[in-house]
N, C-alpha and C. Protein backbone atom coordinates (compact mmCIF):
# COMPACT_ATOMS: atom_id res chain seq x y z
N ASP A 1 232.51 71.37 47.81
CA ASP A 1 233.60 71.68 46.89
C ASP A 1 233.65 73.17 46.55
N ASN A 2 232.79 73.99 47.16
CA ASN A 2 232.71 75.42 46.87
C ASN A 2 232.33 75.71 45.43
N ASN A 3 231.49 74.90 44.86
CA ASN A 3 231.00 75.13 43.50
C ASN A 3 229.83 76.10 43.56
N THR A 4 229.60 76.79 42.43
CA THR A 4 228.50 77.75 42.36
C THR A 4 227.75 77.55 41.05
N ILE A 5 226.43 77.46 41.17
CA ILE A 5 225.56 77.44 39.99
C ILE A 5 224.59 78.59 40.15
N ILE A 6 224.60 79.51 39.19
CA ILE A 6 223.72 80.68 39.21
C ILE A 6 222.85 80.65 37.96
N VAL A 7 221.54 80.75 38.15
CA VAL A 7 220.60 80.77 37.03
C VAL A 7 219.84 82.09 37.11
N GLY A 8 219.92 82.88 36.04
CA GLY A 8 219.28 84.19 36.01
C GLY A 8 217.77 84.12 35.94
N GLU A 9 217.14 85.25 36.23
CA GLU A 9 215.68 85.35 36.19
C GLU A 9 215.15 85.11 34.78
N LYS A 10 213.94 84.62 34.73
CA LYS A 10 213.21 84.37 33.48
C LYS A 10 213.94 83.39 32.56
N THR A 11 214.74 82.50 33.14
CA THR A 11 215.38 81.44 32.37
C THR A 11 214.51 80.20 32.49
N TYR A 12 214.25 79.54 31.36
CA TYR A 12 213.37 78.38 31.33
C TYR A 12 214.16 77.15 30.92
N ILE A 13 213.94 76.06 31.66
CA ILE A 13 214.54 74.78 31.33
C ILE A 13 213.39 73.85 30.98
N ALA A 14 213.29 73.51 29.68
CA ALA A 14 212.11 72.83 29.16
C ALA A 14 212.13 71.32 29.34
N GLY A 15 213.22 70.76 29.76
CA GLY A 15 213.30 69.31 29.93
C GLY A 15 214.50 68.96 30.78
N LYS A 16 214.90 67.72 30.70
CA LYS A 16 216.02 67.23 31.50
C LYS A 16 217.30 67.98 31.14
N THR A 17 217.94 68.55 32.15
CA THR A 17 219.21 69.24 31.97
C THR A 17 220.15 68.77 33.06
N HIS A 18 221.40 68.49 32.69
CA HIS A 18 222.41 68.00 33.63
C HIS A 18 223.45 69.11 33.82
N LEU A 19 223.53 69.64 35.04
CA LEU A 19 224.53 70.65 35.39
C LEU A 19 225.53 70.00 36.33
N ALA A 20 226.78 69.84 35.89
CA ALA A 20 227.82 69.20 36.70
C ALA A 20 228.92 70.21 36.98
N CYS A 21 229.02 70.61 38.23
CA CYS A 21 229.98 71.64 38.63
C CYS A 21 230.96 71.01 39.62
N THR A 22 232.27 71.08 39.33
CA THR A 22 233.28 70.42 40.15
C THR A 22 234.45 71.35 40.45
N GLU A 23 235.22 70.97 41.44
CA GLU A 23 236.51 71.60 41.76
C GLU A 23 236.43 73.08 42.06
N GLY A 24 235.35 73.52 42.70
CA GLY A 24 235.24 74.92 43.10
C GLY A 24 235.01 75.88 41.95
N LYS A 25 234.51 75.39 40.85
CA LYS A 25 234.25 76.23 39.67
C LYS A 25 232.79 76.67 39.66
N SER A 26 232.38 77.37 38.60
CA SER A 26 231.02 77.88 38.55
C SER A 26 230.40 77.66 37.18
N ILE A 27 229.08 77.54 37.21
CA ILE A 27 228.24 77.59 36.02
C ILE A 27 227.34 78.80 36.21
N THR A 28 227.46 79.77 35.31
CA THR A 28 226.65 80.97 35.39
C THR A 28 225.77 81.03 34.14
N ILE A 29 224.47 81.09 34.35
CA ILE A 29 223.50 81.15 33.26
C ILE A 29 222.77 82.48 33.40
N GLY A 30 222.77 83.27 32.34
CA GLY A 30 222.18 84.61 32.38
C GLY A 30 220.67 84.60 32.46
N GLU A 31 220.10 85.78 32.29
CA GLU A 31 218.65 85.97 32.33
C GLU A 31 218.02 85.69 30.97
N ASP A 32 216.75 85.30 31.00
CA ASP A 32 215.95 85.14 29.79
C ASP A 32 216.53 84.11 28.83
N CYS A 33 217.09 83.03 29.37
CA CYS A 33 217.61 81.95 28.53
C CYS A 33 216.56 80.86 28.37
N LEU A 34 216.73 80.02 27.37
CA LEU A 34 215.83 78.91 27.12
C LEU A 34 216.66 77.66 26.85
N PHE A 35 216.47 76.64 27.69
CA PHE A 35 217.15 75.36 27.51
C PHE A 35 216.14 74.36 26.99
N SER A 36 216.47 73.69 25.91
CA SER A 36 215.65 72.60 25.41
C SER A 36 215.90 71.37 26.27
N THR A 37 215.57 70.18 25.79
CA THR A 37 215.75 68.96 26.57
C THR A 37 217.12 68.34 26.37
N ASP A 38 217.52 67.56 27.36
CA ASP A 38 218.76 66.77 27.31
C ASP A 38 220.02 67.61 27.13
N VAL A 39 220.05 68.78 27.73
CA VAL A 39 221.22 69.66 27.66
C VAL A 39 222.18 69.26 28.79
N VAL A 40 223.48 69.27 28.50
CA VAL A 40 224.52 68.95 29.48
C VAL A 40 225.47 70.14 29.58
N VAL A 41 225.74 70.57 30.81
CA VAL A 41 226.71 71.63 31.08
C VAL A 41 227.67 71.10 32.13
N ARG A 42 228.98 71.10 31.84
CA ARG A 42 229.97 70.51 32.75
C ARG A 42 231.18 71.43 32.90
N THR A 43 231.65 71.55 34.14
CA THR A 43 232.89 72.30 34.37
C THR A 43 234.12 71.39 34.42
N GLY A 44 233.92 70.09 34.41
CA GLY A 44 235.06 69.16 34.50
C GLY A 44 234.79 67.88 33.74
N ASP A 45 235.79 67.01 33.76
CA ASP A 45 235.73 65.74 33.03
C ASP A 45 235.30 64.56 33.90
N SER A 46 235.20 64.75 35.20
CA SER A 46 234.81 63.73 36.19
C SER A 46 235.91 62.74 36.53
N HIS A 47 236.85 62.52 35.64
CA HIS A 47 237.95 61.60 35.92
C HIS A 47 239.26 62.29 35.56
N SER A 48 240.33 61.81 36.13
CA SER A 48 241.65 62.42 35.88
C SER A 48 242.26 61.93 34.58
N ILE A 49 242.87 62.87 33.87
CA ILE A 49 243.71 62.55 32.72
C ILE A 49 245.13 62.91 33.12
N LEU A 50 246.03 61.94 32.99
CA LEU A 50 247.40 62.11 33.47
C LEU A 50 248.37 62.10 32.31
N ASP A 51 249.45 62.89 32.45
CA ASP A 51 250.53 62.76 31.47
C ASP A 51 251.37 61.54 31.86
N ASN A 52 252.39 61.24 31.10
CA ASN A 52 253.19 60.04 31.35
C ASN A 52 253.96 60.07 32.66
N SER A 53 254.11 61.26 33.26
CA SER A 53 254.79 61.34 34.55
C SER A 53 253.80 61.18 35.71
N GLY A 54 252.52 61.06 35.40
CA GLY A 54 251.50 60.89 36.44
C GLY A 54 250.87 62.20 36.89
N LYS A 55 251.24 63.33 36.27
CA LYS A 55 250.67 64.63 36.63
C LYS A 55 249.32 64.80 35.94
N ARG A 56 248.34 65.25 36.72
CA ARG A 56 247.01 65.48 36.17
C ARG A 56 247.03 66.71 35.26
N ILE A 57 246.41 66.59 34.09
CA ILE A 57 246.49 67.66 33.09
C ILE A 57 245.12 68.17 32.65
N ASN A 58 244.04 67.82 33.36
CA ASN A 58 242.70 68.24 32.95
C ASN A 58 241.95 68.94 34.08
N PRO A 59 242.39 70.15 34.44
CA PRO A 59 241.69 70.87 35.51
C PRO A 59 240.29 71.31 35.05
N ALA A 60 239.42 71.49 36.01
CA ALA A 60 238.08 72.02 35.73
C ALA A 60 238.19 73.49 35.35
N LEU A 61 237.21 73.96 34.58
CA LEU A 61 237.13 75.37 34.18
C LEU A 61 235.67 75.80 34.25
N SER A 62 235.42 77.02 34.66
CA SER A 62 234.07 77.54 34.78
C SER A 62 233.40 77.69 33.41
N VAL A 63 232.07 77.74 33.43
CA VAL A 63 231.24 77.93 32.24
C VAL A 63 230.39 79.17 32.45
N ALA A 64 230.29 80.01 31.41
CA ALA A 64 229.46 81.22 31.49
C ALA A 64 228.56 81.29 30.27
N ILE A 65 227.26 81.40 30.52
CA ILE A 65 226.27 81.52 29.46
C ILE A 65 225.61 82.89 29.62
N GLY A 66 225.63 83.69 28.57
CA GLY A 66 225.13 85.06 28.63
C GLY A 66 223.62 85.15 28.77
N ASN A 67 223.11 86.35 28.60
CA ASN A 67 221.67 86.62 28.65
C ASN A 67 221.02 86.31 27.30
N HIS A 68 219.78 85.85 27.36
CA HIS A 68 218.97 85.60 26.17
C HIS A 68 219.68 84.64 25.20
N VAL A 69 220.02 83.46 25.74
CA VAL A 69 220.67 82.41 24.95
C VAL A 69 219.71 81.23 24.87
N TRP A 70 219.50 80.73 23.66
CA TRP A 70 218.63 79.58 23.41
C TRP A 70 219.54 78.40 23.13
N ILE A 71 219.41 77.35 23.93
CA ILE A 71 220.27 76.17 23.80
C ILE A 71 219.41 75.00 23.31
N GLY A 72 219.78 74.48 22.16
CA GLY A 72 219.00 73.43 21.51
C GLY A 72 219.12 72.07 22.16
N ASN A 73 218.24 71.19 21.74
CA ASN A 73 218.15 69.82 22.22
C ASN A 73 219.49 69.09 22.12
N ARG A 74 219.87 68.41 23.19
CA ARG A 74 221.06 67.55 23.27
C ARG A 74 222.38 68.30 23.12
N ALA A 75 222.39 69.60 23.31
CA ALA A 75 223.65 70.34 23.26
C ALA A 75 224.51 69.96 24.46
N ILE A 76 225.82 69.97 24.26
CA ILE A 76 226.78 69.68 25.32
C ILE A 76 227.71 70.88 25.44
N ILE A 77 227.74 71.46 26.63
CA ILE A 77 228.56 72.64 26.89
C ILE A 77 229.67 72.22 27.86
N CYS A 78 230.88 72.16 27.36
CA CYS A 78 232.00 71.63 28.13
C CYS A 78 232.73 72.72 28.90
N LYS A 79 233.61 72.29 29.78
CA LYS A 79 234.38 73.19 30.64
C LYS A 79 235.08 74.27 29.82
N GLY A 80 235.13 75.47 30.40
CA GLY A 80 235.83 76.58 29.76
C GLY A 80 235.04 77.30 28.69
N THR A 81 233.82 76.87 28.44
CA THR A 81 232.99 77.50 27.41
C THR A 81 232.36 78.78 27.94
N SER A 82 232.32 79.79 27.10
CA SER A 82 231.50 80.97 27.39
C SER A 82 230.70 81.28 26.13
N ILE A 83 229.45 81.66 26.34
CA ILE A 83 228.53 81.96 25.25
C ILE A 83 228.05 83.40 25.44
N PRO A 84 228.24 84.27 24.45
CA PRO A 84 227.80 85.66 24.57
C PRO A 84 226.28 85.80 24.57
N ASP A 85 225.81 87.00 24.82
CA ASP A 85 224.38 87.31 24.83
C ASP A 85 223.75 87.10 23.45
N ASN A 86 222.46 86.81 23.46
CA ASN A 86 221.63 86.76 22.25
C ASN A 86 222.08 85.72 21.23
N CYS A 87 222.54 84.57 21.72
CA CYS A 87 223.00 83.52 20.81
C CYS A 87 222.04 82.35 20.79
N ILE A 88 222.20 81.53 19.75
CA ILE A 88 221.42 80.31 19.58
C ILE A 88 222.44 79.17 19.44
N ILE A 89 222.22 78.10 20.22
CA ILE A 89 223.08 76.93 20.17
C ILE A 89 222.31 75.80 19.50
N GLY A 90 222.84 75.29 18.41
CA GLY A 90 222.14 74.30 17.60
C GLY A 90 221.96 72.96 18.29
N THR A 91 221.00 72.20 17.80
CA THR A 91 220.75 70.85 18.30
C THR A 91 222.00 70.00 18.21
N ALA A 92 222.33 69.32 19.31
CA ALA A 92 223.45 68.38 19.41
C ALA A 92 224.82 69.04 19.20
N ALA A 93 224.89 70.34 19.34
CA ALA A 93 226.19 71.03 19.24
C ALA A 93 227.06 70.65 20.44
N VAL A 94 228.36 70.64 20.23
CA VAL A 94 229.31 70.40 21.32
C VAL A 94 230.22 71.63 21.40
N LEU A 95 230.10 72.36 22.52
CA LEU A 95 230.87 73.59 22.71
C LEU A 95 232.04 73.30 23.63
N THR A 96 233.25 73.68 23.19
CA THR A 96 234.46 73.31 23.92
C THR A 96 235.40 74.47 24.18
N LYS A 97 234.93 75.71 23.94
CA LYS A 97 235.82 76.86 24.08
C LYS A 97 235.00 78.13 24.31
N PRO A 98 235.66 79.22 24.63
CA PRO A 98 234.93 80.50 24.72
C PRO A 98 234.59 81.02 23.32
N PHE A 99 233.39 81.57 23.19
CA PHE A 99 232.97 82.22 21.95
C PHE A 99 232.82 83.71 22.24
N GLU A 100 233.03 84.55 21.24
CA GLU A 100 233.07 85.99 21.47
C GLU A 100 232.00 86.78 20.73
N VAL A 101 231.42 86.23 19.68
CA VAL A 101 230.48 86.98 18.85
C VAL A 101 229.06 86.81 19.38
N SER A 102 228.44 87.93 19.77
CA SER A 102 227.04 87.92 20.18
C SER A 102 226.14 87.83 18.96
N ASN A 103 224.87 87.54 19.18
CA ASN A 103 223.88 87.47 18.09
C ASN A 103 224.34 86.53 16.99
N ALA A 104 224.73 85.32 17.41
CA ALA A 104 225.22 84.32 16.46
C ALA A 104 224.58 82.97 16.73
N VAL A 105 224.57 82.14 15.69
CA VAL A 105 224.18 80.74 15.83
C VAL A 105 225.47 79.93 15.85
N TYR A 106 225.63 79.12 16.90
CA TYR A 106 226.77 78.21 17.01
C TYR A 106 226.24 76.79 16.90
N ALA A 107 226.82 76.00 16.00
CA ALA A 107 226.33 74.64 15.80
C ALA A 107 227.48 73.76 15.33
N GLY A 108 227.28 72.45 15.44
CA GLY A 108 228.24 71.48 14.94
C GLY A 108 229.06 70.83 16.04
N VAL A 109 229.95 69.93 15.59
CA VAL A 109 230.82 69.18 16.49
C VAL A 109 232.23 69.24 15.92
N PRO A 110 233.12 70.03 16.49
CA PRO A 110 232.86 71.00 17.55
C PRO A 110 232.10 72.21 16.99
N ALA A 111 231.43 72.92 17.89
CA ALA A 111 230.60 74.06 17.48
C ALA A 111 231.45 75.18 16.90
N LYS A 112 230.86 75.87 15.93
CA LYS A 112 231.46 77.08 15.35
C LYS A 112 230.31 77.99 14.93
N ALA A 113 230.62 79.25 14.69
CA ALA A 113 229.60 80.20 14.24
C ALA A 113 229.18 79.83 12.83
N ILE A 114 227.88 79.64 12.64
CA ILE A 114 227.39 79.33 11.29
C ILE A 114 226.52 80.45 10.74
N LYS A 115 226.12 81.40 11.60
CA LYS A 115 225.33 82.55 11.15
C LYS A 115 225.50 83.65 12.20
N THR A 116 225.59 84.89 11.74
CA THR A 116 225.72 86.02 12.65
C THR A 116 224.61 87.04 12.37
N ASN A 117 224.54 88.06 13.20
CA ASN A 117 223.54 89.11 13.08
C ASN A 117 222.12 88.56 13.17
N VAL A 118 221.89 87.67 14.14
CA VAL A 118 220.58 87.08 14.37
C VAL A 118 220.18 87.28 15.83
N ASN A 119 218.92 87.05 16.11
CA ASN A 119 218.40 87.02 17.47
C ASN A 119 217.25 86.03 17.46
N TRP A 120 216.59 85.84 18.57
CA TRP A 120 215.49 84.87 18.64
C TRP A 120 214.40 85.38 19.56
N ASP A 121 213.21 84.80 19.40
CA ASP A 121 212.06 85.15 20.22
C ASP A 121 211.37 83.86 20.65
N ILE A 122 210.99 83.78 21.88
CA ILE A 122 210.34 82.57 22.38
C ILE A 122 208.99 82.33 21.72
N LYS A 123 208.37 83.39 21.21
CA LYS A 123 207.09 83.25 20.51
C LYS A 123 207.35 82.79 19.07
N ARG A 124 206.50 81.92 18.57
CA ARG A 124 206.58 81.53 17.17
C ARG A 124 205.84 82.59 16.36
N ILE A 125 206.57 83.38 15.62
CA ILE A 125 206.01 84.47 14.84
C ILE A 125 205.74 83.95 13.42
N SER A 126 204.60 84.28 12.88
CA SER A 126 204.24 83.86 11.54
C SER A 126 205.26 84.40 10.53
N ILE A 127 205.61 83.59 9.56
CA ILE A 127 206.54 84.00 8.50
C ILE A 127 206.00 85.19 7.73
N ASP A 128 204.68 85.31 7.63
CA ASP A 128 204.05 86.40 6.88
C ASP A 128 204.18 87.75 7.57
N GLU A 129 204.53 87.76 8.85
CA GLU A 129 204.59 89.03 9.57
C GLU A 129 205.87 89.77 9.29
């Protein structure tokens, strides 16, 4: 189908992740990302949605995940989503659109920015430091 999945260097997938790429689209994952368990990334819906005239209305769309993005447990990243660099995706968040603000936490259903001007580190740093 001429699909492309690109995973950047130093990206870690800590558990089961489902990458579904359809209709010649792409999933691009940047460098230094961290995926928790049970993450789903999809460029399409897998089945056709038709209008009343029988015309298909749900084309696939590519997904782009920036550099240094932490994706929480059970997050779902749907077609057409883009995530900027240095972001955190909350547990069980559902992302359905492009986001523009870097250094943000996106969470909820549907996901929205809940905190900005943040970053993350793979190391657990003591609160006292």
